[in-house]
Amino acid sequence: MIWGLKKLHGILKDDKAAMEDTEEAADDLKFASTDLRDATDDLADAQERVKDSAAKVDALTQSYEDLKTAVETVLDMTETAT
């Protein structure tokens, strides 16, 4: 009888430890999930900034090409006038 109670106590003690480990793992998973969500949000923000920067580079490139064309036109007009 006492042996059975000791055995049951050991099983319950092991079950309690396993339950605590499971709770800790669940907490770790919750924190990891939050970290992943934050990282996903940060990545989306970074992608938006890259997209905005690419649009600015495209606009600057177009402005440069327009300015280059204007300078070439003025040079051609100057050569023609002389």
N, C-alpha and C. Protein backbone atom coordinates (compact mmCIF):
# COMPACT_ATOMS: atom_id res chain seq x y z
N MET A 1 0.82 -1.19 0.00
CA MET A 1 0.00 0.00 0.00
C MET A 1 0.87 1.27 0.00
N ILE A 2 1.85 1.32 0.90
CA ILE A 2 2.73 2.49 0.97
C ILE A 2 3.55 2.60 -0.31
N TRP A 3 3.99 1.45 -0.83
CA TRP A 3 4.75 1.46 -2.07
C TRP A 3 3.91 2.07 -3.19
N GLY A 4 2.63 1.72 -3.25
CA GLY A 4 1.73 2.25 -4.27
C GLY A 4 1.55 3.75 -4.14
N LEU A 5 1.44 4.23 -2.90
CA LEU A 5 1.29 5.67 -2.68
C LEU A 5 2.57 6.41 -3.08
N LYS A 6 3.73 5.82 -2.75
CA LYS A 6 5.00 6.44 -3.15
C LYS A 6 5.12 6.48 -4.67
N LYS A 7 4.71 5.39 -5.30
CA LYS A 7 4.75 5.33 -6.76
C LYS A 7 3.83 6.40 -7.35
N LEU A 8 2.61 6.51 -6.81
CA LEU A 8 1.65 7.52 -7.28
C LEU A 8 2.20 8.92 -7.05
N HIS A 9 2.82 9.14 -5.89
CA HIS A 9 3.41 10.45 -5.59
C HIS A 9 4.50 10.78 -6.62
N GLY A 10 5.33 9.80 -6.96
CA GLY A 10 6.38 10.01 -7.96
C GLY A 10 5.80 10.34 -9.32
N ILE A 11 4.74 9.65 -9.69
CA ILE A 11 4.09 9.91 -10.99
C ILE A 11 3.51 11.32 -11.01
N LEU A 12 2.81 11.69 -9.93
CA LEU A 12 2.21 13.03 -9.86
C LEU A 12 3.28 14.11 -9.88
N LYS A 13 4.39 13.85 -9.20
CA LYS A 13 5.49 14.81 -9.18
C LYS A 13 6.07 14.98 -10.59
N ASP A 14 6.25 13.86 -11.29
CA ASP A 14 6.75 13.92 -12.67
C ASP A 14 5.76 14.65 -13.58
N ASP A 15 4.46 14.38 -13.38
CA ASP A 15 3.43 15.04 -14.19
C ASP A 15 3.44 16.55 -13.94
N LYS A 16 3.63 16.95 -12.67
CA LYS A 16 3.68 18.37 -12.34
C LYS A 16 4.87 19.03 -13.02
N ALA A 17 6.02 18.37 -12.99
CA ALA A 17 7.22 18.91 -13.64
C ALA A 17 7.00 19.02 -15.15
N ALA A 18 6.38 18.01 -15.74
CA ALA A 18 6.10 18.04 -17.17
C ALA A 18 5.13 19.17 -17.50
N MET A 19 4.13 19.38 -16.64
CA MET A 19 3.16 20.46 -16.86
C MET A 19 3.86 21.82 -16.79
N GLU A 20 4.77 21.98 -15.81
CA GLU A 20 5.50 23.24 -15.69
C GLU A 20 6.38 23.48 -16.92
N ASP A 21 7.02 22.41 -17.40
CA ASP A 21 7.83 22.53 -18.62
C ASP A 21 6.97 22.93 -19.81
N THR A 22 5.77 22.35 -19.89
CA THR A 22 4.86 22.68 -20.98
C THR A 22 4.42 24.13 -20.90
N GLU A 23 4.14 24.60 -19.68
CA GLU A 23 3.74 26.01 -19.51
C GLU A 23 4.88 26.95 -19.90
N GLU A 24 6.10 26.59 -19.52
CA GLU A 24 7.26 27.41 -19.90
C GLU A 24 7.44 27.42 -21.42
N ALA A 25 7.26 26.27 -22.03
CA ALA A 25 7.38 26.18 -23.49
C ALA A 25 6.30 27.02 -24.16
N ALA A 26 5.09 26.99 -23.61
CA ALA A 26 3.99 27.79 -24.17
C ALA A 26 4.31 29.28 -24.05
N ASP A 27 4.86 29.69 -22.91
CA ASP A 27 5.25 31.09 -22.74
C ASP A 27 6.35 31.48 -23.73
N ASP A 28 7.34 30.59 -23.89
CA ASP A 28 8.41 30.85 -24.86
C ASP A 28 7.85 30.99 -26.27
N LEU A 29 6.90 30.13 -26.59
CA LEU A 29 6.27 30.18 -27.91
C LEU A 29 5.50 31.48 -28.10
N LYS A 30 4.83 31.93 -27.05
CA LYS A 30 4.09 33.19 -27.12
C LYS A 30 5.05 34.36 -27.36
N PHE A 31 6.17 34.37 -26.64
CA PHE A 31 7.16 35.43 -26.83
C PHE A 31 7.77 35.37 -28.23
N ALA A 32 8.05 34.16 -28.69
CA ALA A 32 8.60 34.00 -30.04
C ALA A 32 7.61 34.47 -31.09
N SER A 33 6.34 34.20 -30.86
CA SER A 33 5.30 34.63 -31.79
C SER A 33 5.22 36.16 -31.84
N THR A 34 5.31 36.78 -30.69
CA THR A 34 5.30 38.25 -30.62
C THR A 34 6.53 38.81 -31.33
N ASP A 35 7.70 38.21 -31.09
CA ASP A 35 8.92 38.65 -31.76
C ASP A 35 8.80 38.51 -33.27
N LEU A 36 8.21 37.40 -33.71
CA LEU A 36 8.04 37.17 -35.14
C LEU A 36 7.09 38.21 -35.74
N ARG A 37 6.02 38.52 -35.03
CA ARG A 37 5.07 39.53 -35.51
C ARG A 37 5.76 40.89 -35.62
N ASP A 38 6.55 41.23 -34.61
CA ASP A 38 7.28 42.51 -34.64
C ASP A 38 8.28 42.53 -35.80
N ALA A 39 8.98 41.43 -36.01
CA ALA A 39 9.94 41.35 -37.11
C ALA A 39 9.24 41.46 -38.46
N THR A 40 8.07 40.85 -38.57
CA THR A 40 7.30 40.93 -39.81
C THR A 40 6.87 42.37 -40.08
N ASP A 41 6.42 43.05 -39.03
CA ASP A 41 6.04 44.46 -39.18
C ASP A 41 7.25 45.31 -39.58
N ASP A 42 8.39 45.06 -38.94
CA ASP A 42 9.61 45.80 -39.29
C ASP A 42 10.02 45.55 -40.73
N LEU A 43 9.89 44.30 -41.18
CA LEU A 43 10.23 43.97 -42.56
C LEU A 43 9.31 44.69 -43.53
N ALA A 44 8.02 44.73 -43.22
CA ALA A 44 7.07 45.43 -44.09
C ALA A 44 7.41 46.92 -44.16
N ASP A 45 7.77 47.50 -43.02
CA ASP A 45 8.17 48.92 -43.01
C ASP A 45 9.43 49.14 -43.87
N ALA A 46 10.39 48.24 -43.72
CA ALA A 46 11.63 48.37 -44.51
C ALA A 46 11.35 48.22 -46.00
N GLN A 47 10.47 47.30 -46.36
CA GLN A 47 10.12 47.13 -47.77
C GLN A 47 9.45 48.38 -48.31
N GLU A 48 8.62 49.01 -47.51
CA GLU A 48 7.95 50.24 -47.95
C GLU A 48 8.97 51.36 -48.15
N ARG A 49 9.96 51.45 -47.23
CA ARG A 49 11.00 52.47 -47.38
C ARG A 49 11.84 52.22 -48.63
N VAL A 50 12.14 50.96 -48.91
CA VAL A 50 12.90 50.63 -50.12
C VAL A 50 12.10 51.02 -51.35
N LYS A 51 10.81 50.72 -51.33
CA LYS A 51 9.94 51.07 -52.47
C LYS A 51 9.92 52.59 -52.67
N ASP A 52 9.78 53.34 -51.57
CA ASP A 52 9.79 54.80 -51.66
C ASP A 52 11.13 55.32 -52.18
N SER A 53 12.21 54.73 -51.70
CA SER A 53 13.55 55.14 -52.15
C SER A 53 13.74 54.84 -53.63
N ALA A 54 13.25 53.70 -54.07
CA ALA A 54 13.36 53.35 -55.49
C ALA A 54 12.59 54.34 -56.36
N ALA A 55 11.43 54.77 -55.89
CA ALA A 55 10.65 55.76 -56.64
C ALA A 55 11.41 57.08 -56.70
N LYS A 56 12.05 57.46 -55.61
CA LYS A 56 12.84 58.71 -55.60
C LYS A 56 14.03 58.60 -56.55
N VAL A 57 14.69 57.45 -56.57
CA VAL A 57 15.81 57.24 -57.48
C VAL A 57 15.33 57.34 -58.92
N ASP A 58 14.19 56.72 -59.22
CA ASP A 58 13.63 56.80 -60.58
C ASP A 58 13.34 58.25 -60.96
N ALA A 59 12.77 59.02 -60.03
CA ALA A 59 12.46 60.42 -60.31
C ALA A 59 13.75 61.22 -60.53
N LEU A 60 14.76 60.97 -59.72
CA LEU A 60 16.04 61.67 -59.90
C LEU A 60 16.70 61.29 -61.22
N THR A 61 16.61 60.02 -61.58
CA THR A 61 17.19 59.58 -62.85
C THR A 61 16.49 60.27 -64.01
N GLN A 62 15.18 60.36 -63.94
CA GLN A 62 14.42 61.02 -65.01
C GLN A 62 14.77 62.51 -65.07
N SER A 63 14.90 63.14 -63.91
CA SER A 63 15.29 64.55 -63.87
C SER A 63 16.67 64.75 -64.47
N TYR A 64 17.59 63.87 -64.17
CA TYR A 64 18.93 63.94 -64.73
C TYR A 64 18.88 63.81 -66.25
N GLU A 65 18.12 62.86 -66.74
CA GLU A 65 18.01 62.66 -68.19
C GLU A 65 17.39 63.89 -68.85
N ASP A 66 16.37 64.48 -68.22
CA ASP A 66 15.75 65.69 -68.77
C ASP A 66 16.74 66.84 -68.80
N LEU A 67 17.51 67.00 -67.72
CA LEU A 67 18.51 68.06 -67.66
C LEU A 67 19.60 67.84 -68.71
N LYS A 68 20.03 66.60 -68.86
CA LYS A 68 21.05 66.27 -69.86
C LYS A 68 20.55 66.61 -71.26
N THR A 69 19.31 66.26 -71.55
CA THR A 69 18.72 66.57 -72.86
C THR A 69 18.65 68.08 -73.07
N ALA A 70 18.26 68.81 -72.02
CA ALA A 70 18.17 70.27 -72.13
C ALA A 70 19.54 70.88 -72.39
N VAL A 71 20.56 70.41 -71.69
CA VAL A 71 21.92 70.93 -71.89
C VAL A 71 22.40 70.63 -73.31
N GLU A 72 22.15 69.41 -73.78
CA GLU A 72 22.55 69.05 -75.14
C GLU A 72 21.83 69.92 -76.17
N THR A 73 20.56 70.21 -75.91
CA THR A 73 19.80 71.07 -76.83
C THR A 73 20.38 72.47 -76.85
N VAL A 74 20.71 73.00 -75.69
CA VAL A 74 21.30 74.34 -75.62
C VAL A 74 22.66 74.34 -76.32
N LEU A 75 23.46 73.33 -76.12
CA LEU A 75 24.76 73.25 -76.79
C LEU A 75 24.59 73.18 -78.31
N ASP A 76 23.62 72.38 -78.77
CA ASP A 76 23.35 72.30 -80.21
C ASP A 76 22.90 73.65 -80.75
N MET A 77 22.06 74.35 -80.01
CA MET A 77 21.58 75.67 -80.46
C MET A 77 22.74 76.66 -80.50
N THR A 78 23.64 76.55 -79.52
CA THR A 78 24.80 77.45 -79.47
C THR A 78 25.72 77.20 -80.66
N GLU A 79 25.95 75.92 -80.98
CA GLU A 79 26.81 75.58 -82.11
C GLU A 79 26.18 76.02 -83.42
N THR A 80 24.88 75.88 -83.53
CA THR A 80 24.17 76.26 -84.74
C THR A 80 24.20 77.78 -84.91
N ALA A 81 24.13 78.51 -83.82
CA ALA A 81 24.09 79.97 -83.88
C ALA A 81 25.45 80.56 -84.23
N THR A 82 26.51 79.83 -83.98
CA THR A 82 27.83 80.40 -84.27
C THR A 82 28.33 80.12 -85.63
